Protein backbone atom coordinates (compact mmCIF):
# COMPACT_ATOMS: atom_id res chain seq x y z
CA MET A 1 140.57 101.45 148.30
CA THR A 2 140.28 98.46 150.62
CA ILE A 3 143.05 95.88 150.74
CA PRO A 4 142.02 92.69 148.87
CA SER A 5 140.95 89.74 151.03
CA ARG A 6 142.40 87.28 148.55
CA VAL A 7 145.51 87.45 146.35
CA LYS A 8 146.50 85.29 143.39
CA LEU A 9 150.19 84.72 142.82
CA ILE A 10 151.97 83.79 139.61
CA ASP A 11 155.22 81.96 140.31
CA VAL A 12 157.71 82.92 137.61
CA GLY A 13 160.58 80.86 139.06
CA PRO A 14 160.70 78.14 136.38
CA ARG A 15 161.04 80.73 133.60
CA ASP A 16 162.10 84.18 134.80
CA GLY A 17 163.93 82.68 137.76
CA LEU A 18 165.96 80.02 135.97
CA GLN A 19 166.60 81.65 132.60
CA ASN A 20 169.81 83.40 133.67
CA GLU A 21 171.35 80.47 135.56
CA LYS A 22 174.78 79.79 134.09
CA GLN A 23 174.67 76.07 134.90
CA PRO A 24 172.28 74.03 132.77
CA VAL A 25 169.24 72.93 134.80
CA PRO A 26 167.92 69.57 133.55
CA ALA A 27 164.38 69.48 132.16
CA ALA A 28 163.45 66.85 134.78
CA VAL A 29 164.34 69.33 137.55
CA LYS A 30 162.24 72.09 135.96
CA ILE A 31 159.29 69.70 135.60
CA GLU A 32 159.64 68.62 139.24
CA LEU A 33 159.74 72.27 140.32
CA VAL A 34 156.47 72.99 138.49
CA HIS A 35 154.90 69.89 140.07
CA ARG A 36 155.98 71.00 143.54
CA LEU A 37 154.69 74.54 143.00
CA GLN A 38 151.26 73.37 141.90
CA ALA A 39 151.15 70.85 144.75
CA ALA A 40 151.79 73.78 147.13
CA GLY A 41 148.66 75.46 145.76
CA LEU A 42 149.91 77.81 143.04
CA LYS A 43 147.29 78.33 140.35
CA GLU A 44 149.43 80.23 137.85
CA ILE A 45 152.96 79.24 136.86
CA GLU A 46 155.22 80.80 134.23
CA VAL A 47 156.90 77.71 132.86
CA THR A 48 159.30 78.50 130.03
CA SER A 49 160.01 80.72 127.04
CA TYR A 50 160.31 80.20 123.31
CA VAL A 51 163.35 82.31 122.57
CA SER A 52 166.31 81.40 120.41
CA PRO A 53 168.52 78.90 122.31
CA LYS A 54 171.44 80.99 121.03
CA TRP A 55 170.29 83.85 123.29
CA VAL A 56 168.85 81.87 126.20
CA PRO A 57 170.32 78.35 126.18
CA GLN A 58 168.61 77.56 129.51
CA MET A 59 165.19 77.56 127.80
CA ALA A 60 166.15 75.30 124.86
CA ASP A 61 164.23 72.42 126.49
CA ASN A 62 160.86 74.25 126.36
CA HIS A 63 159.01 71.49 124.46
CA GLU A 64 160.37 68.79 126.74
CA VAL A 65 159.39 70.70 129.89
CA MET A 66 155.87 71.54 128.70
CA ALA A 67 155.30 67.95 127.54
CA GLY A 68 156.58 66.57 130.84
CA ILE A 69 154.23 68.49 133.13
CA THR A 70 151.23 66.72 134.58
CA ARG A 71 148.68 69.50 134.28
CA LEU A 72 146.18 70.05 137.03
CA PRO A 73 142.69 71.42 136.40
CA GLY A 74 142.41 75.02 137.56
CA VAL A 75 146.12 75.74 137.06
CA ALA A 76 147.18 78.13 134.27
CA TYR A 77 150.54 77.55 132.57
CA SER A 78 152.04 80.59 130.84
CA VAL A 79 155.03 80.96 128.51
CA LEU A 80 157.03 83.87 127.10
CA THR A 81 156.88 84.33 123.31
CA PRO A 82 159.20 87.04 121.92
CA ASN A 83 157.96 86.85 118.31
CA LEU A 84 155.70 84.99 115.87
CA LYS A 85 158.25 82.20 115.42
CA GLY A 86 158.34 81.69 119.18
CA PHE A 87 154.55 81.78 119.33
CA GLU A 88 154.23 79.13 116.60
CA ALA A 89 156.59 76.87 118.58
CA ALA A 90 154.67 77.56 121.80
CA VAL A 91 151.26 76.71 120.31
CA LEU A 92 152.40 73.10 119.83
CA ASP A 93 152.58 72.86 123.64
CA ALA A 94 149.13 74.40 124.29
CA PRO A 95 149.94 77.10 126.88
CA ASP A 96 147.02 78.76 128.68
CA GLU A 97 148.58 82.20 128.34
CA ILE A 98 151.41 83.79 126.43
CA VAL A 99 153.48 86.70 127.69
CA VAL A 100 154.76 89.50 125.46
CA PHE A 101 156.99 92.23 126.82
CA GLY A 102 157.94 95.85 126.45
CA ALA A 103 159.96 98.39 128.43
CA ALA A 104 158.88 101.80 129.67
CA SER A 105 162.45 102.94 128.91
CA GLU A 106 163.66 103.62 125.35
CA ALA A 107 167.28 102.92 126.28
CA PHE A 108 166.39 99.59 127.88
CA SER A 109 164.31 98.61 124.85
CA GLN A 110 167.24 99.36 122.52
CA LYS A 111 169.77 97.47 124.68
CA ASN A 112 167.44 94.53 125.34
CA ILE A 113 165.78 93.94 121.95
CA ASN A 114 167.46 96.47 119.61
CA CYS A 115 164.39 98.52 118.78
CA SER A 116 162.25 101.38 120.08
CA ILE A 117 159.31 100.84 122.44
CA ALA A 118 156.82 101.53 119.62
CA GLU A 119 158.62 99.11 117.27
CA SER A 120 158.72 96.40 119.95
CA ILE A 121 154.94 96.64 120.42
CA GLU A 122 154.39 96.65 116.66
CA ARG A 123 156.35 93.39 116.46
CA PHE A 124 154.08 91.86 119.08
CA ALA A 125 150.81 92.88 117.38
CA PRO A 126 150.67 89.77 115.10
CA VAL A 127 151.63 87.53 118.04
CA VAL A 128 148.79 88.89 120.19
CA GLU A 129 146.35 88.62 117.29
CA ALA A 130 147.33 84.99 116.61
CA ALA A 131 147.03 84.06 120.30
CA LEU A 132 143.60 85.65 120.75
CA ALA A 133 142.38 83.93 117.55
CA LYS A 134 143.33 80.60 119.13
CA GLY A 135 141.67 81.43 122.44
CA ILE A 136 144.99 81.79 124.28
CA ALA A 137 145.13 84.55 126.92
CA VAL A 138 147.69 87.34 126.53
CA ARG A 139 149.61 89.12 129.28
CA GLY A 140 151.99 92.03 128.71
CA ALA A 141 155.06 92.38 130.89
CA MET A 142 155.94 96.07 131.29
CA SER A 143 159.56 96.25 132.43
CA CYS A 144 161.44 99.16 134.00
CA THR A 145 158.25 100.94 135.09
CA VAL A 146 159.98 102.88 137.88
CA GLY A 147 163.67 102.82 137.03
CA CYS A 148 166.09 101.85 134.28
CA PRO A 149 169.81 100.96 134.53
CA TYR A 150 170.52 103.35 131.61
CA GLU A 151 167.98 106.19 132.01
CA GLY A 152 167.52 106.29 135.77
CA ASP A 153 164.04 107.27 137.02
CA ILE A 154 161.16 106.57 134.66
CA ALA A 155 158.32 109.10 134.51
CA PRO A 156 154.79 107.72 135.01
CA GLU A 157 153.87 109.19 131.59
CA ARG A 158 156.21 106.66 129.98
CA VAL A 159 154.38 103.86 131.79
CA ALA A 160 151.01 105.19 130.61
CA TYR A 161 152.40 105.37 127.05
CA LEU A 162 153.53 101.73 127.15
CA ALA A 163 150.27 100.56 128.75
CA GLY A 164 148.33 102.38 126.01
CA LEU A 165 150.37 100.69 123.27
CA MET A 166 149.78 97.29 124.86
CA LYS A 167 146.06 97.92 125.20
CA GLY A 168 146.02 99.00 121.56
CA ILE A 169 147.28 95.64 120.27
CA GLY A 170 144.84 93.63 122.37
CA VAL A 171 146.90 92.67 125.45
CA GLN A 172 144.40 91.61 128.15
CA ARG A 173 146.35 92.28 131.34
CA VAL A 174 149.71 93.76 132.27
CA ASP A 175 152.47 93.43 134.84
CA VAL A 176 153.85 96.61 136.36
CA ALA A 177 157.42 95.42 136.81
CA ASP A 178 160.23 97.01 138.80
CA THR A 179 162.81 95.05 136.81
CA ILE A 180 165.90 96.33 138.61
CA GLY A 181 164.33 96.68 142.05
CA VAL A 182 164.94 100.40 142.57
CA GLY A 183 161.32 101.33 143.24
CA THR A 184 159.89 102.65 146.49
CA PRO A 185 156.19 102.64 147.47
CA ARG A 186 155.07 106.05 146.19
CA ARG A 187 156.89 105.61 142.88
CA VAL A 188 155.35 102.18 142.43
CA GLN A 189 151.90 103.63 143.15
CA ALA A 190 152.53 106.33 140.53
CA ALA A 191 153.39 103.63 137.95
CA ILE A 192 150.21 101.71 138.82
CA GLU A 193 148.18 104.93 138.66
CA ALA A 194 149.55 105.54 135.16
CA THR A 195 148.65 102.00 134.10
CA LEU A 196 145.10 102.49 135.38
CA GLN A 197 144.57 104.97 132.54
CA HIS A 198 144.35 101.95 130.23
CA PHE A 199 143.71 98.83 132.34
CA GLY A 200 141.32 98.16 135.22
CA ILE A 201 142.73 97.13 138.60
CA ASP A 202 141.68 93.51 137.97
CA HIS A 203 143.98 93.40 134.95
CA ILE A 204 147.12 94.74 136.62
CA SER A 205 149.70 92.68 138.49
CA GLY A 206 152.73 93.74 140.51
CA HIS A 207 156.17 92.30 139.74
CA PHE A 208 158.81 93.60 142.15
CA HIS A 209 162.49 92.73 142.36
CA ASP A 210 164.21 92.99 145.72
CA THR A 211 167.57 94.54 144.78
CA TYR A 212 167.24 97.32 147.36
CA GLY A 213 165.08 95.34 149.79
CA GLN A 214 161.91 97.22 148.81
CA ALA A 215 159.84 94.47 147.18
CA LEU A 216 157.58 93.74 150.17
CA SER A 217 157.05 97.46 150.88
CA ASN A 218 156.15 97.92 147.21
CA THR A 219 153.75 94.97 147.41
CA LEU A 220 151.99 96.58 150.35
CA ALA A 221 151.77 99.87 148.41
CA ALA A 222 150.16 98.01 145.49
CA LEU A 223 147.77 96.13 147.81
CA GLU A 224 146.64 99.50 149.20
CA MET A 225 145.58 100.43 145.66
CA GLY A 226 143.57 97.22 145.31
CA VAL A 227 146.05 95.16 143.24
CA TRP A 228 145.34 91.48 143.97
CA ASN A 229 147.60 89.72 141.45
CA PHE A 230 151.37 89.51 141.99
CA GLN A 231 154.34 87.72 140.50
CA SER A 232 157.09 86.25 142.56
CA SER A 233 159.74 83.60 142.26
CA VAL A 234 160.16 80.63 144.57
CA SER A 235 163.39 80.92 146.58
CA GLY A 236 163.90 84.42 145.10
CA LEU A 237 165.32 82.96 141.88
CA GLY A 238 166.30 85.23 139.03
CA GLY A 239 167.79 88.57 138.22
CA CYS A 240 168.12 90.77 135.16
CA PRO A 241 171.06 90.26 132.78
CA TYR A 242 170.84 93.90 131.68
CA ALA A 243 170.97 95.39 135.16
CA LYS A 244 174.19 94.99 137.14
CA GLY A 245 173.50 93.97 140.72
CA ALA A 246 169.78 93.34 140.12
CA THR A 247 168.80 90.47 142.37
CA GLY A 248 165.94 88.09 141.91
CA ASN A 249 162.25 88.62 142.05
CA VAL A 250 160.73 88.83 145.49
CA ALA A 251 160.67 85.30 146.96
CA THR A 252 157.24 83.67 146.80
CA GLU A 253 157.76 82.36 150.35
CA ASP A 254 158.35 85.89 151.69
CA LEU A 255 155.30 87.22 149.87
CA VAL A 256 153.04 84.42 151.14
CA TYR A 257 154.27 84.98 154.71
CA LEU A 258 153.44 88.70 154.42
CA LEU A 259 149.99 88.05 152.92
CA HIS A 260 149.04 85.35 155.42
CA GLY A 261 150.23 87.60 158.25
CA MET A 262 147.80 90.24 156.98
CA GLY A 263 144.93 87.74 156.93
CA ILE A 264 144.91 87.66 153.11
CA GLU A 265 144.08 84.31 151.53
CA THR A 266 146.38 82.87 148.85
CA GLY A 267 145.36 79.20 148.72
CA ILE A 268 149.05 78.35 149.15
CA ASP A 269 150.52 75.96 151.72
CA LEU A 270 153.61 77.81 152.99
CA ASP A 271 155.35 74.66 154.28
CA ALA A 272 154.96 72.89 150.92
CA LEU A 273 156.18 76.04 149.19
CA VAL A 274 159.28 76.17 151.41
CA ASP A 275 159.94 72.53 150.43
CA ALA A 276 159.69 73.44 146.73
CA GLY A 277 162.16 76.28 147.25
CA ALA A 278 164.52 74.04 149.23
CA TYR A 279 164.38 71.50 146.39
CA ILE A 280 165.40 73.93 143.64
CA SER A 281 168.02 75.63 145.84
CA GLU A 282 169.61 72.25 146.53
CA GLN A 283 169.62 71.47 142.79
CA LEU A 284 171.39 74.78 142.15
CA GLY A 285 173.82 74.14 145.01
CA ARG A 286 173.11 77.24 147.06
CA PRO A 287 170.95 78.34 149.98
CA SER A 288 167.46 79.67 149.38
CA GLY A 289 167.18 83.35 148.55
CA SER A 290 164.05 83.56 150.72
CA ARG A 291 164.47 84.88 154.25
CA VAL A 292 161.23 83.22 155.34
CA ALA A 293 162.37 79.87 153.93
CA ARG A 294 165.74 80.14 155.66
CA ALA A 295 164.05 80.99 158.98
CA LEU A 296 161.51 78.17 158.72
CA LEU A 297 164.11 75.62 157.61
CA ALA A 298 166.35 76.61 160.56
CA LYS A 299 163.37 76.28 162.88
CA ARG A 300 162.61 72.81 161.53
CA ALA A 301 166.24 71.76 161.90
CA GLY A 302 166.26 73.05 165.47
């Protein structure tokens, strides 16, 4: 398989990145972050989620954020919808894509959403059906595809099982996510290989956390298989509330630096992206989680 000449990134910072922040982030800041990301050239942005504010208070301003964004043509805005109630709320804000989710680990599924993998997918079937009927795209996030905080290593067969269930309810594309960042290249390739039993390479994206510093290596392993769609989070925002010590997603800045260094096009302006990351880091009162951003900002200051 030849390495793709162009890669499309989905920045999940505004949703996946900010959802676990303890301090409330004002809607105006989230809106500004989305504006800065699209100005930097991102064509897909995961904006918010429609979950109960009781569980995720940070996302209680979903309507306000979606209404406040100045949408650009050619940019897709996705949202997470955990159930039909969430989907009905999301529809009012006209997202381009909804995201449903499932884990490749039974234990994680039970701890995260109190039901088995099969039950979780059954719950999503009416959501997917309703979205497709309205012409809204559907993506399935497959979490814990290489490792789980409760079960340890996840066998590729479990990933194939989950991908098959998602395909069965009409999900159009899936994320192979290393939710707790324990994956290494060959294990990530095995998870992608398993997913390929049900989805073509054009409908698979990589979503790698950097807990053990493996996210860029895992990205390269996925690129070698022909994967050309990846998720990342500006400034490395985010973590996983169910996995102790799990750091954020790979930083979008680090990913873009890697891709550009390999001669792969992204359509993203790295300097503008670094500015977007510096903006949100300043709002959160901490340095950027991106090594590339820290290096470039130090270089500018010097």
